[in-house]
N, C-alpha and C. Protein backbone atom coordinates (compact mmCIF):
# COMPACT_ATOMS: atom_id res chain seq x y z
N MET A 1 0.88 -1.14 0.07
CA MET A 1 -0.02 0.00 -0.06
C MET A 1 0.92 1.21 0.04
N ALA A 2 0.61 2.18 -0.80
CA ALA A 2 1.31 3.43 -0.90
C ALA A 2 1.21 4.22 0.35
N ALA A 3 2.22 5.01 0.70
CA ALA A 3 2.21 5.77 1.95
C ALA A 3 1.04 6.77 1.97
N ASN A 4 0.66 7.32 0.94
CA ASN A 4 -0.30 8.41 0.87
C ASN A 4 -1.74 7.90 0.53
N SER A 5 -1.90 6.64 0.27
CA SER A 5 -3.29 6.09 -0.01
C SER A 5 -3.97 5.78 1.29
N LEU A 6 -5.24 5.98 1.25
CA LEU A 6 -6.14 5.53 2.34
C LEU A 6 -6.48 4.19 2.33
N PRO A 7 -6.45 3.39 3.35
CA PRO A 7 -7.02 2.08 3.37
C PRO A 7 -8.44 2.05 3.12
N THR A 8 -8.95 1.12 2.41
CA THR A 8 -10.35 0.97 2.12
C THR A 8 -10.90 -0.31 2.43
N ALA A 9 -12.22 -0.46 2.61
CA ALA A 9 -12.83 -1.69 2.92
C ALA A 9 -13.96 -1.84 1.97
N ILE A 10 -14.21 -3.08 1.55
CA ILE A 10 -15.40 -3.35 0.65
C ILE A 10 -16.44 -3.83 1.51
N THR A 11 -17.59 -3.15 1.48
CA THR A 11 -18.78 -3.51 2.25
C THR A 11 -19.93 -3.57 1.39
N ALA A 12 -20.90 -4.47 1.85
CA ALA A 12 -22.15 -4.60 1.03
C ALA A 12 -23.23 -5.21 1.90
N PRO A 13 -24.33 -4.36 2.19
CA PRO A 13 -25.36 -4.95 2.86
C PRO A 13 -26.10 -6.00 2.02
N PRO A 14 -26.79 -6.86 2.55
CA PRO A 14 -27.53 -7.98 1.83
C PRO A 14 -28.34 -7.33 0.69
N GLY A 15 -28.13 -7.87 -0.55
CA GLY A 15 -28.95 -7.49 -1.65
C GLY A 15 -28.40 -6.17 -2.40
N GLU A 16 -27.27 -5.67 -1.86
CA GLU A 16 -26.73 -4.41 -2.56
C GLU A 16 -25.38 -4.74 -3.03
N GLU A 17 -24.90 -3.82 -3.96
CA GLU A 17 -23.65 -3.93 -4.58
C GLU A 17 -22.47 -3.52 -3.56
N ALA A 18 -21.37 -4.17 -3.65
CA ALA A 18 -20.27 -3.69 -2.79
C ALA A 18 -19.71 -2.40 -3.17
N THR A 19 -19.41 -1.49 -2.21
CA THR A 19 -18.86 -0.30 -2.50
C THR A 19 -17.54 -0.08 -1.58
N GLU A 20 -16.72 0.75 -2.06
CA GLU A 20 -15.47 1.04 -1.36
C GLU A 20 -15.78 2.13 -0.19
N LYS A 21 -15.25 1.92 0.91
CA LYS A 21 -15.45 2.82 2.03
C LYS A 21 -14.14 3.29 2.58
N LYS A 22 -13.85 4.67 2.54
CA LYS A 22 -12.65 5.12 2.93
C LYS A 22 -12.56 5.17 4.61
N ARG A 23 -11.45 4.92 4.94
CA ARG A 23 -11.22 4.93 6.50
C ARG A 23 -11.19 6.33 6.95
N LYS A 24 -11.78 6.57 8.16
CA LYS A 24 -11.84 7.86 8.82
C LYS A 24 -10.72 8.07 9.66
N TYR A 25 -10.09 9.18 9.81
CA TYR A 25 -8.99 9.52 10.67
C TYR A 25 -9.42 10.54 11.71
N PHE A 26 -8.85 10.47 12.83
CA PHE A 26 -9.25 11.26 14.07
C PHE A 26 -7.98 12.05 14.54
N ASP A 27 -8.39 13.31 15.10
CA ASP A 27 -7.33 14.02 15.82
C ASP A 27 -7.67 13.94 17.35
N ILE A 28 -6.58 13.88 18.15
CA ILE A 28 -6.74 13.82 19.58
C ILE A 28 -6.06 15.10 20.12
N ASP A 29 -6.81 15.84 20.80
CA ASP A 29 -6.34 17.04 21.49
C ASP A 29 -6.28 16.85 22.98
N ILE A 30 -5.05 17.18 23.57
CA ILE A 30 -4.93 17.01 24.99
C ILE A 30 -4.76 18.47 25.57
N TYR A 31 -5.58 18.76 26.61
CA TYR A 31 -5.52 20.11 27.20
C TYR A 31 -4.65 19.93 28.48
N ARG A 32 -3.36 20.24 28.19
CA ARG A 32 -2.39 19.97 29.32
C ARG A 32 -2.72 20.67 30.71
N ASP A 33 -3.33 21.87 30.61
CA ASP A 33 -3.60 22.57 31.84
C ASP A 33 -4.64 21.78 32.62
N TRP A 34 -5.48 21.03 32.00
CA TRP A 34 -6.52 20.30 32.78
C TRP A 34 -6.17 18.94 33.26
N CYS A 35 -5.14 18.35 32.45
CA CYS A 35 -4.80 17.00 32.69
C CYS A 35 -3.96 16.86 34.07
N LYS A 36 -4.38 15.71 34.87
CA LYS A 36 -3.57 15.54 36.04
C LYS A 36 -2.74 14.34 35.94
N SER A 37 -2.53 13.86 34.73
CA SER A 37 -1.57 12.74 34.42
C SER A 37 -1.95 11.31 35.12
N CYS A 38 -3.25 11.11 35.22
CA CYS A 38 -3.68 9.80 35.75
C CYS A 38 -3.46 8.62 34.93
N GLY A 39 -3.37 8.72 33.54
CA GLY A 39 -3.00 7.58 32.70
C GLY A 39 -4.24 6.82 32.30
N ILE A 40 -5.41 7.25 32.64
CA ILE A 40 -6.58 6.42 32.29
C ILE A 40 -6.70 6.39 30.70
N CYS A 41 -6.37 7.43 30.07
CA CYS A 41 -6.54 7.47 28.58
C CYS A 41 -5.56 6.45 27.96
N ALA A 42 -4.34 6.30 28.31
CA ALA A 42 -3.40 5.42 27.84
C ALA A 42 -3.78 4.01 28.13
N ALA A 43 -4.32 3.72 29.44
CA ALA A 43 -4.72 2.42 29.74
C ALA A 43 -5.88 1.89 29.04
N LEU A 44 -6.84 2.72 28.68
CA LEU A 44 -8.12 2.31 28.02
C LEU A 44 -8.08 2.30 26.57
N CYS A 45 -7.05 3.01 25.85
CA CYS A 45 -6.99 3.09 24.45
C CYS A 45 -6.84 1.76 23.72
N PRO A 46 -7.89 1.33 23.01
CA PRO A 46 -7.75 -0.06 22.34
C PRO A 46 -6.70 -0.17 21.24
N LYS A 47 -6.31 0.96 20.76
CA LYS A 47 -5.32 1.04 19.65
C LYS A 47 -3.93 1.49 20.04
N HIS A 48 -3.80 1.84 21.31
CA HIS A 48 -2.47 2.13 21.91
C HIS A 48 -1.87 3.47 21.19
N CYS A 49 -2.78 4.45 21.16
CA CYS A 49 -2.39 5.66 20.50
C CYS A 49 -1.52 6.51 21.50
N PHE A 50 -1.51 6.27 22.76
CA PHE A 50 -0.89 7.10 23.77
C PHE A 50 0.29 6.28 24.32
N THR A 51 1.16 7.13 24.82
CA THR A 51 2.22 6.60 25.84
C THR A 51 2.28 7.64 26.93
N ARG A 52 3.11 7.50 27.92
CA ARG A 52 3.19 8.42 28.89
C ARG A 52 4.56 9.04 29.01
N ASP A 53 4.58 10.41 29.23
CA ASP A 53 5.93 10.98 29.48
C ASP A 53 6.55 10.81 30.73
N ASP A 54 7.68 11.43 31.03
CA ASP A 54 8.41 11.34 32.34
C ASP A 54 7.54 11.69 33.58
N THR A 55 6.53 12.54 33.36
CA THR A 55 5.65 13.02 34.49
C THR A 55 4.35 12.18 34.51
N GLY A 56 4.24 11.30 33.59
CA GLY A 56 3.02 10.35 33.60
C GLY A 56 1.88 10.94 32.71
N GLY A 57 2.19 12.10 32.12
CA GLY A 57 1.18 12.75 31.21
C GLY A 57 1.08 11.93 29.93
N PRO A 58 0.02 12.05 29.24
CA PRO A 58 -0.22 11.33 28.01
C PRO A 58 0.40 12.00 26.84
N LEU A 59 0.97 11.30 25.93
CA LEU A 59 1.53 11.70 24.70
C LEU A 59 0.91 10.89 23.57
N VAL A 60 0.41 11.55 22.58
CA VAL A 60 -0.25 11.00 21.50
C VAL A 60 0.99 10.43 20.51
N VAL A 61 1.21 9.20 20.41
CA VAL A 61 2.32 8.66 19.57
C VAL A 61 1.85 8.15 18.29
N ASP A 62 0.59 7.73 18.08
CA ASP A 62 0.10 7.15 16.88
C ASP A 62 -1.32 7.56 16.56
N PRO A 63 -1.48 8.89 16.24
CA PRO A 63 -2.83 9.39 15.96
C PRO A 63 -3.56 8.77 14.74
N ASP A 64 -2.79 8.19 13.84
CA ASP A 64 -3.46 7.54 12.63
C ASP A 64 -3.95 6.21 13.04
N SER A 65 -3.72 5.62 14.14
CA SER A 65 -4.38 4.41 14.62
C SER A 65 -5.58 4.63 15.35
N CYS A 66 -5.96 5.88 15.68
CA CYS A 66 -7.13 6.20 16.39
C CYS A 66 -8.39 5.83 15.57
N ILE A 67 -9.31 5.02 16.22
CA ILE A 67 -10.57 4.66 15.46
C ILE A 67 -11.75 5.55 15.92
N GLY A 68 -11.45 6.52 16.84
CA GLY A 68 -12.52 7.40 17.18
C GLY A 68 -13.54 6.90 18.17
N CYS A 69 -13.14 5.81 18.93
CA CYS A 69 -14.08 5.21 19.83
C CYS A 69 -14.53 6.14 20.91
N GLY A 70 -13.56 7.05 21.30
CA GLY A 70 -13.89 8.10 22.44
C GLY A 70 -13.77 7.57 23.78
N TRP A 71 -13.19 6.31 24.00
CA TRP A 71 -13.02 5.86 25.39
C TRP A 71 -12.11 6.86 26.23
N CYS A 72 -11.09 7.36 25.63
CA CYS A 72 -10.19 8.27 26.38
C CYS A 72 -11.04 9.45 26.82
N GLU A 73 -11.69 10.06 25.87
CA GLU A 73 -12.47 11.28 26.02
C GLU A 73 -13.63 10.99 27.18
N ILE A 74 -14.36 9.94 26.99
CA ILE A 74 -15.51 9.64 27.96
C ILE A 74 -14.93 9.43 29.27
N HIS A 75 -13.89 8.73 29.48
CA HIS A 75 -13.43 8.29 30.84
C HIS A 75 -12.45 9.27 31.49
N CYS A 76 -12.08 10.29 30.75
CA CYS A 76 -11.07 11.28 31.34
C CYS A 76 -11.78 12.00 32.45
N PRO A 77 -11.29 11.91 33.72
CA PRO A 77 -11.98 12.64 34.82
C PRO A 77 -11.84 14.13 34.78
N ASP A 78 -10.90 14.59 33.99
CA ASP A 78 -10.60 16.02 33.90
C ASP A 78 -11.14 16.72 32.67
N PHE A 79 -11.80 15.97 31.76
CA PHE A 79 -12.22 16.47 30.50
C PHE A 79 -11.17 17.09 29.71
N ALA A 80 -9.94 16.47 29.77
CA ALA A 80 -8.75 17.08 29.21
C ALA A 80 -8.43 16.49 27.83
N ILE A 81 -9.35 15.62 27.30
CA ILE A 81 -9.05 15.12 25.92
C ILE A 81 -10.23 15.22 25.08
N SER A 82 -10.06 15.62 23.75
CA SER A 82 -11.01 15.72 22.91
C SER A 82 -10.60 14.92 21.58
N VAL A 83 -11.51 14.12 21.09
CA VAL A 83 -11.35 13.37 19.96
C VAL A 83 -12.31 13.75 18.88
N HIS A 84 -11.79 14.20 17.70
CA HIS A 84 -12.72 14.54 16.69
C HIS A 84 -12.23 14.15 15.28
N PRO A 85 -13.14 13.97 14.30
CA PRO A 85 -12.69 13.63 13.07
C PRO A 85 -11.79 14.57 12.29
N ARG A 86 -10.76 14.08 11.69
CA ARG A 86 -9.98 15.01 10.85
C ARG A 86 -10.75 15.59 9.70
N PRO A 87 -10.53 16.90 9.49
CA PRO A 87 -11.15 17.42 8.28
C PRO A 87 -10.62 16.74 6.92
N THR A 88 -11.51 16.29 5.98
CA THR A 88 -11.17 15.73 4.84
C THR A 88 -10.96 16.81 3.70
N ILE A 89 -9.96 16.63 2.86
CA ILE A 89 -9.79 17.50 1.78
C ILE A 89 -10.52 17.04 0.56
N THR A 90 -11.38 17.79 0.15
CA THR A 90 -12.17 17.56 -1.11
C THR A 90 -11.64 18.23 -2.24
N PRO A 91 -11.50 17.52 -3.47
CA PRO A 91 -11.06 18.30 -4.54
C PRO A 91 -11.98 19.44 -5.06
N THR A 92 -11.60 20.49 -5.52
CA THR A 92 -12.42 21.53 -5.90
C THR A 92 -12.06 21.82 -7.40
N SER A 93 -12.95 22.45 -8.12
CA SER A 93 -12.70 22.75 -9.53
C SER A 93 -11.79 23.88 -9.52
N ASP A 94 -10.90 23.94 -10.52
CA ASP A 94 -9.83 25.08 -10.56
C ASP A 94 -10.51 26.12 -11.42
N ASN A 95 -10.82 27.32 -10.85
CA ASN A 95 -11.35 28.43 -11.64
C ASN A 95 -10.45 29.43 -12.07
N SER A 96 -9.00 28.97 -12.12
CA SER A 96 -7.96 29.94 -12.47
C SER A 96 -7.99 30.30 -13.92
N GLU A 97 -8.66 29.45 -14.76
CA GLU A 97 -8.66 29.81 -16.21
C GLU A 97 -9.93 30.49 -16.58
N ALA A 98 -10.75 31.04 -15.75
CA ALA A 98 -11.97 31.73 -16.01
C ALA A 98 -11.66 33.01 -16.90
N ASP A 99 -12.60 33.25 -17.83
CA ASP A 99 -12.37 34.39 -18.73
C ASP A 99 -12.77 35.65 -18.05
């Protein structure tokens, strides 16, 4: 798989034709001023997107692995994590040749 290509999955509900579905990517924001470095986010992440720094605070080491489940965000006692879909870039028509 090329480094810049998005992984796809072929899905088809019963009785329908299979279509390609692009994988969604998520951004994880950590509000350091609110975080008390408890490590709950790192412990609960099913995709191991976090590690902990020298003070025990979370570091996002693999944001592309995030599946957007929200476990870290839901269970953070300090509301110090936000998980949100990455904006997708959609191609636009080039109007630079307009008369």
